[in-house]
């Protein structure tokens, strides 16, 4: 939303909800329109295929091999270009191909990495007698609610992407006790419980 709104009480918020709801609706529609405009611009420039199966053929452009490895991390040079992954069987001794291309996958255009602002932490001091301990309280934004979150690009709200970011940041705090809010039961069982127990925590849902 471009226009911020503030409410002095729950009753005030409730009475103003109909107007407030329209603001949310308009913001969502504007965001969707902007995204489609960006996609159309990329399509016209030959950088965005109509489908992942299409390989754009533009005069003067060609595929350039950037790596030959099991993994590849895009660089700034890859931004706004497509990446094509080819899977083949390779002889580990001499590097010769043992088969033709077994699978080919083409990505969407590479986007610039999301730069997160540094959190401003407040130091409340600690005791010198060794009795201090740390507690982390973290609302992770449940995936079932994330799709309607308008302040973040949709690709960054894909669970397979942002669960890794969550795990990395939570691990960096190295807190003695971790309290998480908005945790889906299946995500607790499939991700958080194994992650936390592997780091020595006792997990409880």
N, C-alpha and C. Protein backbone atom coordinates (compact mmCIF):
# COMPACT_ATOMS: atom_id res chain seq x y z
N UNK A 1 0.83 -1.19 0.00
CA UNK A 1 0.00 0.00 0.00
C UNK A 1 0.87 1.24 0.00
N UNK A 2 0.51 2.23 -0.79
CA UNK A 2 1.25 3.48 -0.80
C UNK A 2 0.82 4.36 0.36
N UNK A 3 -0.45 4.22 0.77
CA UNK A 3 -0.99 5.06 1.82
C UNK A 3 -1.08 4.27 3.12
N UNK A 4 -0.42 4.77 4.16
CA UNK A 4 -0.47 4.09 5.45
C UNK A 4 -1.73 4.50 6.19
N UNK A 5 -2.24 3.60 7.02
CA UNK A 5 -3.42 3.91 7.81
C UNK A 5 -3.18 3.51 9.25
N UNK A 6 -3.71 4.28 10.17
CA UNK A 6 -3.53 4.03 11.58
C UNK A 6 -4.89 4.07 12.28
N UNK A 7 -5.05 3.26 13.29
CA UNK A 7 -6.31 3.19 14.00
C UNK A 7 -6.04 3.25 15.50
N UNK A 8 -6.84 4.03 16.19
CA UNK A 8 -6.59 4.27 17.61
C UNK A 8 -7.11 3.16 18.50
N UNK A 9 -8.03 2.32 17.97
CA UNK A 9 -8.59 1.24 18.79
C UNK A 9 -9.17 0.17 17.88
N UNK A 10 -9.50 -0.98 18.46
CA UNK A 10 -10.12 -2.06 17.69
C UNK A 10 -11.47 -1.62 17.13
N UNK A 11 -12.21 -0.84 17.90
CA UNK A 11 -13.52 -0.36 17.44
C UNK A 11 -13.35 0.60 16.26
N UNK A 12 -12.34 1.44 16.35
CA UNK A 12 -12.06 2.37 15.25
C UNK A 12 -11.68 1.59 14.00
N UNK A 13 -10.84 0.56 14.16
CA UNK A 13 -10.43 -0.26 13.02
C UNK A 13 -11.63 -0.96 12.40
N UNK A 14 -12.52 -1.51 13.23
CA UNK A 14 -13.69 -2.23 12.74
C UNK A 14 -14.62 -1.32 11.95
N UNK A 15 -14.83 -0.11 12.46
CA UNK A 15 -15.75 0.81 11.78
C UNK A 15 -15.19 1.29 10.45
N UNK A 16 -13.86 1.28 10.31
CA UNK A 16 -13.20 1.78 9.10
C UNK A 16 -12.79 0.65 8.16
N UNK A 17 -13.17 -0.60 8.49
CA UNK A 17 -12.66 -1.74 7.76
C UNK A 17 -13.04 -1.76 6.28
N UNK A 18 -14.27 -1.35 5.95
CA UNK A 18 -14.70 -1.40 4.55
C UNK A 18 -13.81 -0.54 3.65
N UNK A 19 -13.46 0.67 4.12
CA UNK A 19 -12.57 1.53 3.33
C UNK A 19 -11.16 0.95 3.31
N UNK A 20 -10.73 0.41 4.45
CA UNK A 20 -9.39 -0.16 4.55
C UNK A 20 -9.24 -1.38 3.63
N UNK A 21 -10.30 -2.19 3.54
CA UNK A 21 -10.27 -3.39 2.69
C UNK A 21 -10.12 -3.02 1.22
N UNK A 22 -10.74 -1.92 0.81
CA UNK A 22 -10.63 -1.47 -0.57
C UNK A 22 -9.19 -1.07 -0.88
N UNK A 23 -8.50 -0.44 0.09
CA UNK A 23 -7.10 -0.06 -0.11
C UNK A 23 -6.24 -1.29 -0.37
N UNK A 24 -6.47 -2.36 0.41
CA UNK A 24 -5.72 -3.60 0.22
C UNK A 24 -5.99 -4.19 -1.16
N UNK A 25 -7.26 -4.18 -1.56
CA UNK A 25 -7.63 -4.73 -2.86
C UNK A 25 -6.95 -3.97 -3.99
N UNK A 26 -6.96 -2.66 -3.92
CA UNK A 26 -6.35 -1.84 -4.96
C UNK A 26 -4.83 -2.05 -5.01
N UNK A 27 -4.21 -2.19 -3.84
CA UNK A 27 -2.76 -2.40 -3.79
C UNK A 27 -2.40 -3.74 -4.42
N UNK A 28 -3.20 -4.78 -4.15
CA UNK A 28 -2.93 -6.11 -4.72
C UNK A 28 -3.08 -6.09 -6.23
N UNK A 29 -4.11 -5.39 -6.73
CA UNK A 29 -4.34 -5.31 -8.17
C UNK A 29 -3.20 -4.55 -8.85
N UNK A 30 -2.73 -3.47 -8.22
CA UNK A 30 -1.63 -2.69 -8.77
C UNK A 30 -0.35 -3.51 -8.82
N UNK A 31 -0.09 -4.29 -7.76
CA UNK A 31 1.11 -5.12 -7.72
C UNK A 31 1.07 -6.18 -8.82
N UNK A 32 -0.09 -6.79 -9.05
CA UNK A 32 -0.22 -7.80 -10.09
C UNK A 32 -0.01 -7.20 -11.47
N UNK A 33 -0.56 -6.00 -11.69
CA UNK A 33 -0.41 -5.32 -12.98
C UNK A 33 1.05 -5.00 -13.26
N UNK A 34 1.76 -4.49 -12.23
CA UNK A 34 3.18 -4.17 -12.39
C UNK A 34 4.00 -5.40 -12.74
N UNK A 35 3.68 -6.54 -12.10
CA UNK A 35 4.41 -7.77 -12.38
C UNK A 35 4.19 -8.22 -13.81
N UNK A 36 2.94 -8.16 -14.30
CA UNK A 36 2.64 -8.57 -15.66
C UNK A 36 3.32 -7.64 -16.67
N UNK A 37 3.39 -6.35 -16.35
CA UNK A 37 4.08 -5.41 -17.24
C UNK A 37 5.57 -5.74 -17.35
N UNK A 38 6.18 -6.11 -16.21
CA UNK A 38 7.59 -6.48 -16.21
C UNK A 38 7.82 -7.73 -17.04
N UNK A 39 6.93 -8.72 -16.90
CA UNK A 39 7.06 -9.95 -17.67
C UNK A 39 6.94 -9.67 -19.17
N UNK A 40 5.97 -8.81 -19.53
CA UNK A 40 5.76 -8.51 -20.94
C UNK A 40 6.98 -7.82 -21.53
N UNK A 41 7.60 -6.93 -20.75
CA UNK A 41 8.81 -6.25 -21.21
C UNK A 41 9.93 -7.24 -21.47
N UNK A 42 10.08 -8.23 -20.58
CA UNK A 42 11.10 -9.25 -20.76
C UNK A 42 10.80 -10.13 -21.97
N UNK A 43 9.52 -10.45 -22.18
CA UNK A 43 9.15 -11.27 -23.33
C UNK A 43 9.50 -10.56 -24.64
N UNK A 44 9.20 -9.27 -24.71
CA UNK A 44 9.48 -8.51 -25.94
C UNK A 44 10.97 -8.41 -26.20
N UNK A 45 11.77 -8.43 -25.12
CA UNK A 45 13.22 -8.35 -25.29
C UNK A 45 13.85 -9.71 -25.53
N UNK A 46 13.00 -10.77 -25.51
CA UNK A 46 13.51 -12.11 -25.74
C UNK A 46 14.13 -12.75 -24.53
N UNK A 47 13.91 -12.17 -23.34
CA UNK A 47 14.53 -12.70 -22.13
C UNK A 47 13.59 -13.56 -21.29
N UNK A 48 12.32 -13.60 -21.67
CA UNK A 48 11.36 -14.37 -20.88
C UNK A 48 10.57 -15.26 -21.83
N UNK A 49 10.69 -16.58 -21.76
CA UNK A 49 9.96 -17.46 -22.68
C UNK A 49 8.48 -17.53 -22.32
N UNK A 50 7.66 -17.82 -23.31
CA UNK A 50 6.24 -18.00 -23.03
C UNK A 50 6.03 -19.24 -22.15
N UNK A 51 6.88 -20.22 -22.28
CA UNK A 51 6.84 -21.41 -21.42
C UNK A 51 8.27 -21.87 -21.21
N UNK A 52 8.48 -22.67 -20.18
CA UNK A 52 9.83 -23.11 -19.87
C UNK A 52 10.40 -24.05 -20.92
N UNK A 53 9.53 -24.59 -21.77
CA UNK A 53 10.01 -25.50 -22.81
C UNK A 53 10.59 -24.74 -24.00
N UNK A 54 10.24 -23.45 -24.10
CA UNK A 54 10.70 -22.67 -25.25
C UNK A 54 12.11 -22.16 -25.02
N UNK A 55 12.91 -22.24 -26.04
CA UNK A 55 14.25 -21.67 -25.99
C UNK A 55 14.28 -20.47 -26.93
N UNK A 56 14.36 -19.26 -26.40
CA UNK A 56 14.32 -18.09 -27.28
C UNK A 56 15.52 -18.05 -28.22
N UNK A 57 15.23 -17.85 -29.48
CA UNK A 57 16.30 -17.74 -30.48
C UNK A 57 16.30 -16.31 -31.00
N UNK A 58 17.26 -15.53 -30.60
CA UNK A 58 17.36 -14.14 -31.02
C UNK A 58 18.62 -13.97 -31.87
N UNK A 59 18.52 -13.19 -32.91
CA UNK A 59 19.66 -12.97 -33.79
C UNK A 59 20.81 -12.34 -33.01
N UNK A 60 21.99 -12.92 -33.16
CA UNK A 60 23.15 -12.40 -32.47
C UNK A 60 23.31 -12.90 -31.05
N UNK A 61 22.39 -13.76 -30.59
CA UNK A 61 22.47 -14.31 -29.23
C UNK A 61 22.72 -15.81 -29.30
N UNK A 62 23.42 -16.32 -28.33
CA UNK A 62 23.69 -17.75 -28.29
C UNK A 62 23.89 -18.17 -26.84
N UNK A 63 23.75 -19.47 -26.60
CA UNK A 63 23.98 -20.01 -25.27
C UNK A 63 25.48 -20.06 -25.00
N UNK A 64 25.88 -19.67 -23.81
CA UNK A 64 27.29 -19.68 -23.41
C UNK A 64 27.42 -20.55 -22.16
N UNK A 65 28.32 -21.53 -22.22
CA UNK A 65 28.52 -22.41 -21.06
C UNK A 65 29.24 -21.63 -19.96
N UNK A 66 28.65 -21.62 -18.77
CA UNK A 66 29.25 -20.88 -17.66
C UNK A 66 29.80 -21.80 -16.58
N UNK A 67 29.44 -23.09 -16.63
CA UNK A 67 29.95 -24.02 -15.63
C UNK A 67 29.70 -25.44 -16.09
N UNK A 68 30.47 -26.35 -15.52
CA UNK A 68 30.28 -27.78 -15.74
C UNK A 68 30.47 -28.45 -14.38
N UNK A 69 29.40 -28.45 -13.61
CA UNK A 69 29.47 -28.93 -12.23
C UNK A 69 28.10 -29.39 -11.77
N UNK A 70 28.06 -30.02 -10.61
CA UNK A 70 26.78 -30.51 -10.08
C UNK A 70 25.90 -29.36 -9.60
N UNK A 71 26.51 -28.28 -9.15
CA UNK A 71 25.75 -27.13 -8.68
C UNK A 71 26.29 -25.87 -9.34
N UNK A 72 25.44 -24.83 -9.38
CA UNK A 72 25.86 -23.55 -9.94
C UNK A 72 25.11 -22.44 -9.23
N UNK A 73 25.84 -21.45 -8.75
CA UNK A 73 25.23 -20.30 -8.08
C UNK A 73 25.29 -19.09 -9.02
N UNK A 74 24.13 -18.56 -9.43
CA UNK A 74 24.12 -17.43 -10.37
C UNK A 74 24.89 -16.24 -9.81
N UNK A 75 25.51 -15.49 -10.71
CA UNK A 75 26.26 -14.30 -10.33
C UNK A 75 25.53 -13.06 -10.84
N UNK A 76 26.08 -11.89 -10.57
CA UNK A 76 25.47 -10.65 -11.04
C UNK A 76 25.44 -10.59 -12.57
N UNK A 77 26.38 -11.27 -13.22
CA UNK A 77 26.41 -11.29 -14.68
C UNK A 77 25.22 -12.05 -15.28
N UNK A 78 24.58 -12.89 -14.47
CA UNK A 78 23.47 -13.71 -14.95
C UNK A 78 22.12 -13.01 -14.81
N UNK A 79 22.07 -11.87 -14.12
CA UNK A 79 20.80 -11.20 -13.86
C UNK A 79 20.10 -10.85 -15.17
N UNK A 80 18.79 -11.14 -15.23
CA UNK A 80 17.92 -10.90 -16.39
C UNK A 80 18.18 -11.84 -17.57
N UNK A 81 18.99 -12.88 -17.37
CA UNK A 81 19.19 -13.87 -18.44
C UNK A 81 18.61 -15.21 -18.00
N UNK A 82 18.43 -16.09 -18.98
CA UNK A 82 17.96 -17.44 -18.69
C UNK A 82 19.14 -18.34 -18.41
N UNK A 83 18.91 -19.36 -17.62
CA UNK A 83 19.92 -20.39 -17.40
C UNK A 83 19.34 -21.71 -17.90
N UNK A 84 20.18 -22.50 -18.57
CA UNK A 84 19.75 -23.81 -19.04
C UNK A 84 20.63 -24.87 -18.37
N UNK A 85 19.98 -25.81 -17.73
CA UNK A 85 20.68 -26.91 -17.06
C UNK A 85 20.54 -28.17 -17.91
N UNK A 86 21.66 -28.78 -18.26
CA UNK A 86 21.68 -30.03 -19.00
C UNK A 86 22.28 -31.12 -18.12
N UNK A 87 21.60 -32.23 -18.03
CA UNK A 87 22.08 -33.36 -17.22
C UNK A 87 22.56 -34.48 -18.15
N UNK A 88 23.82 -34.87 -17.99
CA UNK A 88 24.39 -35.96 -18.78
C UNK A 88 25.25 -36.83 -17.88
N UNK A 89 25.49 -38.06 -18.31
CA UNK A 89 26.38 -38.96 -17.59
C UNK A 89 27.81 -38.69 -18.03
N UNK A 90 28.71 -38.51 -17.06
CA UNK A 90 30.11 -38.17 -17.33
C UNK A 90 31.04 -39.23 -16.73
N UNK A 91 32.05 -39.59 -17.47
CA UNK A 91 33.09 -40.48 -16.94
C UNK A 91 33.96 -39.67 -15.98
N UNK A 92 33.97 -40.00 -14.68
CA UNK A 92 34.72 -39.20 -13.70
C UNK A 92 36.23 -39.23 -13.90
N UNK A 93 36.73 -40.22 -14.61
CA UNK A 93 38.18 -40.33 -14.79
C UNK A 93 38.72 -39.40 -15.87
N UNK A 94 37.99 -39.31 -16.99
CA UNK A 94 38.50 -38.47 -18.09
C UNK A 94 37.56 -37.33 -18.47
N UNK A 95 36.38 -37.26 -17.86
CA UNK A 95 35.45 -36.17 -18.14
C UNK A 95 34.67 -36.33 -19.42
N UNK A 96 34.80 -37.46 -20.11
CA UNK A 96 34.08 -37.68 -21.36
C UNK A 96 32.61 -38.00 -21.09
N UNK A 97 31.76 -37.55 -22.02
CA UNK A 97 30.33 -37.85 -21.91
C UNK A 97 30.08 -39.32 -22.19
N UNK A 98 29.23 -39.92 -21.39
CA UNK A 98 28.86 -41.32 -21.59
C UNK A 98 27.48 -41.44 -22.24
N UNK A 99 26.79 -40.31 -22.38
CA UNK A 99 25.45 -40.33 -22.97
C UNK A 99 25.13 -38.97 -23.56
N UNK A 100 24.04 -38.92 -24.29
CA UNK A 100 23.51 -37.65 -24.77
C UNK A 100 22.82 -36.95 -23.61
N UNK A 101 22.33 -35.73 -23.86
CA UNK A 101 21.63 -34.99 -22.82
C UNK A 101 20.42 -35.79 -22.35
N UNK A 102 20.38 -36.07 -21.05
CA UNK A 102 19.28 -36.85 -20.50
C UNK A 102 18.11 -35.97 -20.07
N UNK A 103 18.44 -34.75 -19.69
CA UNK A 103 17.37 -33.83 -19.28
C UNK A 103 17.85 -32.40 -19.47
N UNK A 104 16.92 -31.54 -19.88
CA UNK A 104 17.25 -30.12 -20.07
C UNK A 104 16.17 -29.28 -19.40
N UNK A 105 16.59 -28.36 -18.56
CA UNK A 105 15.66 -27.49 -17.84
C UNK A 105 16.08 -26.05 -18.08
N UNK A 106 15.11 -25.20 -18.42
CA UNK A 106 15.38 -23.77 -18.62
C UNK A 106 14.68 -22.99 -17.52
N UNK A 107 15.42 -22.08 -16.91
CA UNK A 107 14.86 -21.32 -15.80
C UNK A 107 14.18 -20.04 -16.29
N UNK A 108 13.47 -19.40 -15.38
CA UNK A 108 13.01 -18.04 -15.62
C UNK A 108 14.22 -17.12 -15.55
N UNK A 109 14.10 -15.87 -15.98
CA UNK A 109 15.25 -14.95 -15.89
C UNK A 109 15.76 -14.84 -14.46
N UNK A 110 17.05 -14.79 -14.32
CA UNK A 110 17.67 -14.63 -13.00
C UNK A 110 17.37 -13.23 -12.49
N UNK A 111 16.93 -13.13 -11.25
CA UNK A 111 16.63 -11.83 -10.66
C UNK A 111 17.71 -11.48 -9.65
N UNK A 112 17.83 -10.21 -9.38
CA UNK A 112 18.84 -9.75 -8.43
C UNK A 112 18.53 -10.31 -7.05
N UNK A 113 19.58 -10.71 -6.34
CA UNK A 113 19.42 -11.29 -5.02
C UNK A 113 18.82 -10.26 -4.08
N UNK A 114 17.85 -10.70 -3.29
CA UNK A 114 17.19 -9.82 -2.34
C UNK A 114 18.15 -9.46 -1.21
N UNK A 115 18.44 -8.17 -1.07
CA UNK A 115 19.33 -7.72 -0.01
C UNK A 115 18.51 -7.36 1.22
N UNK A 116 18.72 -8.08 2.29
CA UNK A 116 17.97 -7.85 3.51
C UNK A 116 18.67 -6.80 4.36
N UNK A 117 17.88 -5.90 4.93
CA UNK A 117 18.46 -4.90 5.81
C UNK A 117 18.89 -5.54 7.11
N UNK A 118 19.94 -5.01 7.70
CA UNK A 118 20.46 -5.54 8.96
C UNK A 118 19.51 -5.20 10.09
N UNK A 119 19.20 -6.19 10.90
CA UNK A 119 18.31 -5.94 12.04
C UNK A 119 19.03 -5.09 13.08
N UNK A 120 18.30 -4.15 13.66
CA UNK A 120 18.87 -3.32 14.71
C UNK A 120 18.57 -3.98 16.06
N UNK A 121 19.56 -4.60 16.64
CA UNK A 121 19.39 -5.30 17.90
C UNK A 121 19.64 -4.35 19.07
N UNK A 122 18.91 -4.54 20.16
CA UNK A 122 19.06 -3.72 21.35
C UNK A 122 19.80 -4.54 22.41
N UNK A 123 20.95 -4.07 22.83
CA UNK A 123 21.76 -4.76 23.83
C UNK A 123 21.27 -4.36 25.22
N UNK A 124 20.76 -5.33 25.97
CA UNK A 124 20.25 -5.04 27.32
C UNK A 124 21.27 -5.42 28.38
N UNK A 125 22.48 -5.78 27.95
CA UNK A 125 23.52 -6.12 28.90
C UNK A 125 23.37 -7.55 29.40
N UNK A 126 24.30 -7.98 30.22
CA UNK A 126 24.26 -9.34 30.76
C UNK A 126 24.94 -9.36 32.12
N UNK A 127 24.66 -10.40 32.88
CA UNK A 127 25.29 -10.56 34.19
C UNK A 127 26.69 -11.13 34.04
N UNK A 128 27.51 -10.84 35.00
CA UNK A 128 28.87 -11.36 34.97
C UNK A 128 29.04 -12.63 35.78
N UNK A 129 27.94 -13.11 36.39
CA UNK A 129 28.07 -14.29 37.25
C UNK A 129 27.84 -15.60 36.49
N UNK A 130 27.69 -15.51 35.16
CA UNK A 130 27.53 -16.72 34.36
C UNK A 130 26.13 -17.29 34.32
N UNK A 131 25.14 -16.57 34.88
CA UNK A 131 23.78 -17.10 34.94
C UNK A 131 22.90 -16.62 33.78
N UNK A 132 23.45 -15.84 32.87
CA UNK A 132 22.65 -15.31 31.77
C UNK A 132 22.36 -16.39 30.73
N UNK A 133 21.21 -16.26 30.05
CA UNK A 133 20.87 -17.14 28.94
C UNK A 133 20.12 -16.31 27.90
N UNK A 134 20.07 -16.82 26.67
CA UNK A 134 19.44 -16.06 25.58
C UNK A 134 18.17 -16.74 25.09
N UNK A 135 17.18 -15.92 24.71
CA UNK A 135 15.90 -16.40 24.22
C UNK A 135 15.61 -15.70 22.89
N UNK A 136 15.26 -16.48 21.88
CA UNK A 136 14.88 -15.93 20.58
C UNK A 136 13.40 -16.19 20.35
N UNK A 137 12.64 -15.12 20.09
CA UNK A 137 11.23 -15.24 19.72
C UNK A 137 11.09 -14.78 18.28
N UNK A 138 10.53 -15.63 17.42
CA UNK A 138 10.57 -15.37 15.97
C UNK A 138 9.25 -15.80 15.33
N UNK A 139 8.57 -14.85 14.68
CA UNK A 139 7.38 -15.15 13.90
C UNK A 139 7.83 -15.44 12.47
N UNK A 140 7.67 -16.67 12.02
CA UNK A 140 8.23 -17.08 10.73
C UNK A 140 7.29 -16.85 9.55
N UNK A 141 6.04 -16.40 9.81
CA UNK A 141 5.03 -16.19 8.77
C UNK A 141 4.67 -17.52 8.10
N UNK A 142 3.64 -18.14 8.59
CA UNK A 142 3.21 -19.45 8.07
C UNK A 142 2.96 -19.38 6.57
N UNK A 143 3.33 -20.44 5.89
CA UNK A 143 3.20 -20.49 4.43
C UNK A 143 1.75 -20.29 3.99
N UNK A 144 0.79 -20.77 4.78
CA UNK A 144 -0.62 -20.63 4.40
C UNK A 144 -1.07 -19.17 4.42
N UNK A 145 -0.33 -18.32 5.13
CA UNK A 145 -0.66 -16.89 5.16
C UNK A 145 0.26 -16.07 4.24
N UNK A 146 1.37 -16.65 3.83
CA UNK A 146 2.37 -15.89 3.10
C UNK A 146 1.89 -15.43 1.73
N UNK A 147 0.99 -16.19 1.10
CA UNK A 147 0.57 -15.88 -0.27
C UNK A 147 -0.17 -14.54 -0.35
N UNK A 148 -0.75 -14.09 0.76
CA UNK A 148 -1.48 -12.83 0.75
C UNK A 148 -0.65 -11.68 1.31
N UNK A 149 0.64 -11.94 1.54
CA UNK A 149 1.52 -10.93 2.09
C UNK A 149 2.03 -10.05 0.95
N UNK A 150 1.64 -8.77 0.94
CA UNK A 150 1.85 -7.91 -0.22
C UNK A 150 3.19 -7.18 -0.21
N UNK A 151 3.94 -7.25 0.88
CA UNK A 151 5.15 -6.44 0.98
C UNK A 151 6.39 -7.18 0.50
N UNK A 152 6.22 -8.31 -0.13
CA UNK A 152 7.37 -9.12 -0.52
C UNK A 152 7.09 -9.75 -1.88
N UNK A 153 8.09 -9.84 -2.76
CA UNK A 153 7.86 -10.47 -4.07
C UNK A 153 7.45 -11.94 -3.90
N UNK A 154 6.60 -12.42 -4.80
CA UNK A 154 6.03 -13.75 -4.66
C UNK A 154 7.09 -14.85 -4.65
N UNK A 155 8.18 -14.67 -5.44
CA UNK A 155 9.19 -15.72 -5.50
C UNK A 155 9.87 -15.91 -4.14
N UNK A 156 9.96 -14.83 -3.36
CA UNK A 156 10.62 -14.93 -2.06
C UNK A 156 9.73 -15.55 -1.01
N UNK A 157 8.44 -15.76 -1.34
CA UNK A 157 7.50 -16.37 -0.41
C UNK A 157 7.30 -17.85 -0.67
N UNK A 158 8.06 -18.41 -1.61
CA UNK A 158 7.99 -19.84 -1.83
C UNK A 158 8.67 -20.55 -0.66
N UNK A 159 7.96 -21.49 -0.06
CA UNK A 159 8.44 -22.13 1.16
C UNK A 159 9.81 -22.78 0.98
N UNK A 160 10.03 -23.43 -0.16
CA UNK A 160 11.31 -24.10 -0.38
C UNK A 160 12.46 -23.11 -0.39
N UNK A 161 12.16 -21.84 -0.70
CA UNK A 161 13.21 -20.81 -0.69
C UNK A 161 13.37 -20.22 0.71
N UNK A 162 12.27 -19.73 1.29
CA UNK A 162 12.48 -18.96 2.51
C UNK A 162 12.66 -19.83 3.76
N UNK A 163 12.39 -21.12 3.68
CA UNK A 163 12.69 -21.96 4.84
C UNK A 163 14.21 -22.04 5.06
N UNK A 164 14.98 -22.00 3.97
CA UNK A 164 16.43 -22.04 4.09
C UNK A 164 16.96 -20.75 4.70
N UNK A 165 16.34 -19.62 4.33
CA UNK A 165 16.72 -18.33 4.91
C UNK A 165 16.41 -18.30 6.40
N UNK A 166 15.24 -18.84 6.75
CA UNK A 166 14.85 -18.88 8.16
C UNK A 166 15.84 -19.72 8.96
N UNK A 167 16.13 -20.92 8.44
CA UNK A 167 17.05 -21.80 9.15
C UNK A 167 18.41 -21.17 9.35
N UNK A 168 18.89 -20.46 8.34
CA UNK A 168 20.21 -19.82 8.43
C UNK A 168 20.22 -18.72 9.48
N UNK A 169 19.19 -17.85 9.46
CA UNK A 169 19.17 -16.74 10.42
C UNK A 169 18.97 -17.23 11.84
N UNK A 170 18.04 -18.17 12.03
CA UNK A 170 17.79 -18.69 13.38
C UNK A 170 19.04 -19.34 13.94
N UNK A 171 19.77 -20.05 13.09
CA UNK A 171 20.99 -20.70 13.53
C UNK A 171 22.07 -19.69 13.92
N UNK A 172 22.12 -18.56 13.21
CA UNK A 172 23.15 -17.55 13.49
C UNK A 172 22.96 -16.90 14.86
N UNK A 173 21.72 -16.82 15.35
CA UNK A 173 21.50 -16.22 16.66
C UNK A 173 22.02 -17.11 17.79
N UNK A 174 22.07 -18.42 17.55
CA UNK A 174 22.62 -19.35 18.52
C UNK A 174 22.01 -19.16 19.91
N UNK A 175 20.69 -19.05 19.97
CA UNK A 175 20.00 -18.81 21.24
C UNK A 175 19.89 -20.09 22.06
N UNK A 176 19.84 -19.92 23.38
CA UNK A 176 19.66 -21.09 24.26
C UNK A 176 18.24 -21.65 24.13
N UNK A 177 17.27 -20.75 24.01
CA UNK A 177 15.87 -21.15 23.85
C UNK A 177 15.28 -20.44 22.64
N UNK A 178 14.57 -21.19 21.80
CA UNK A 178 13.96 -20.63 20.59
C UNK A 178 12.45 -20.82 20.65
N UNK A 179 11.72 -19.72 20.49
CA UNK A 179 10.25 -19.78 20.46
C UNK A 179 9.79 -19.29 19.09
N UNK A 180 9.12 -20.14 18.33
CA UNK A 180 8.68 -19.80 16.98
C UNK A 180 7.16 -19.67 16.94
N UNK A 181 6.69 -18.65 16.23
CA UNK A 181 5.25 -18.46 16.05
C UNK A 181 4.88 -18.70 14.58
N UNK A 182 3.59 -19.02 14.37
CA UNK A 182 3.05 -19.29 13.03
C UNK A 182 3.77 -20.46 12.35
N UNK A 183 3.95 -21.54 13.06
CA UNK A 183 4.59 -22.73 12.51
C UNK A 183 3.50 -23.73 12.10
N UNK A 184 3.47 -24.09 10.84
CA UNK A 184 2.53 -25.12 10.38
C UNK A 184 3.00 -26.48 10.87
N UNK A 185 2.05 -27.33 11.18
CA UNK A 185 2.39 -28.63 11.74
C UNK A 185 3.26 -29.45 10.80
N UNK A 186 2.92 -29.44 9.50
CA UNK A 186 3.71 -30.24 8.56
C UNK A 186 5.12 -29.68 8.38
N UNK A 187 5.25 -28.35 8.48
CA UNK A 187 6.58 -27.75 8.37
C UNK A 187 7.41 -28.03 9.63
N UNK A 188 6.73 -28.12 10.77
CA UNK A 188 7.45 -28.50 11.99
C UNK A 188 8.00 -29.91 11.86
N UNK A 189 7.16 -30.82 11.38
CA UNK A 189 7.57 -32.23 11.29
C UNK A 189 8.63 -32.45 10.22
N UNK A 190 8.46 -31.75 9.08
CA UNK A 190 9.35 -32.01 7.93
C UNK A 190 10.65 -31.20 7.97
N UNK A 191 10.62 -30.03 8.64
CA UNK A 191 11.78 -29.15 8.57
C UNK A 191 12.32 -28.73 9.95
N UNK A 192 11.48 -28.05 10.74
CA UNK A 192 11.99 -27.45 11.97
C UNK A 192 12.43 -28.47 13.01
N UNK A 193 11.65 -29.52 13.22
CA UNK A 193 12.05 -30.52 14.23
C UNK A 193 13.38 -31.18 13.86
N UNK A 194 13.55 -31.68 12.63
CA UNK A 194 14.86 -32.27 12.28
C UNK A 194 16.00 -31.26 12.37
N UNK A 195 15.75 -30.01 11.93
CA UNK A 195 16.80 -29.00 11.96
C UNK A 195 17.21 -28.68 13.39
N UNK A 196 16.24 -28.48 14.26
CA UNK A 196 16.54 -28.08 15.63
C UNK A 196 17.18 -29.21 16.43
N UNK A 197 16.67 -30.43 16.26
CA UNK A 197 17.24 -31.55 17.01
C UNK A 197 18.67 -31.85 16.54
N UNK A 198 18.94 -31.59 15.25
CA UNK A 198 20.30 -31.82 14.76
C UNK A 198 21.29 -30.82 15.36
N UNK A 199 20.78 -29.71 15.88
CA UNK A 199 21.63 -28.70 16.49
C UNK A 199 21.62 -28.80 18.02
N UNK A 200 21.02 -29.87 18.55
CA UNK A 200 21.09 -30.10 19.98
C UNK A 200 19.90 -29.58 20.77
N UNK A 201 18.88 -29.06 20.10
CA UNK A 201 17.69 -28.57 20.80
C UNK A 201 16.69 -29.71 21.04
N UNK A 202 15.87 -29.56 22.07
CA UNK A 202 14.73 -30.44 22.29
C UNK A 202 13.52 -29.70 21.72
N UNK A 203 12.89 -30.26 20.69
CA UNK A 203 11.81 -29.55 20.00
C UNK A 203 10.44 -29.99 20.52
N UNK A 204 9.53 -29.04 20.65
CA UNK A 204 8.17 -29.31 21.12
C UNK A 204 7.20 -28.46 20.32
N UNK A 205 6.17 -29.10 19.76
CA UNK A 205 5.16 -28.37 18.98
C UNK A 205 3.92 -28.18 19.83
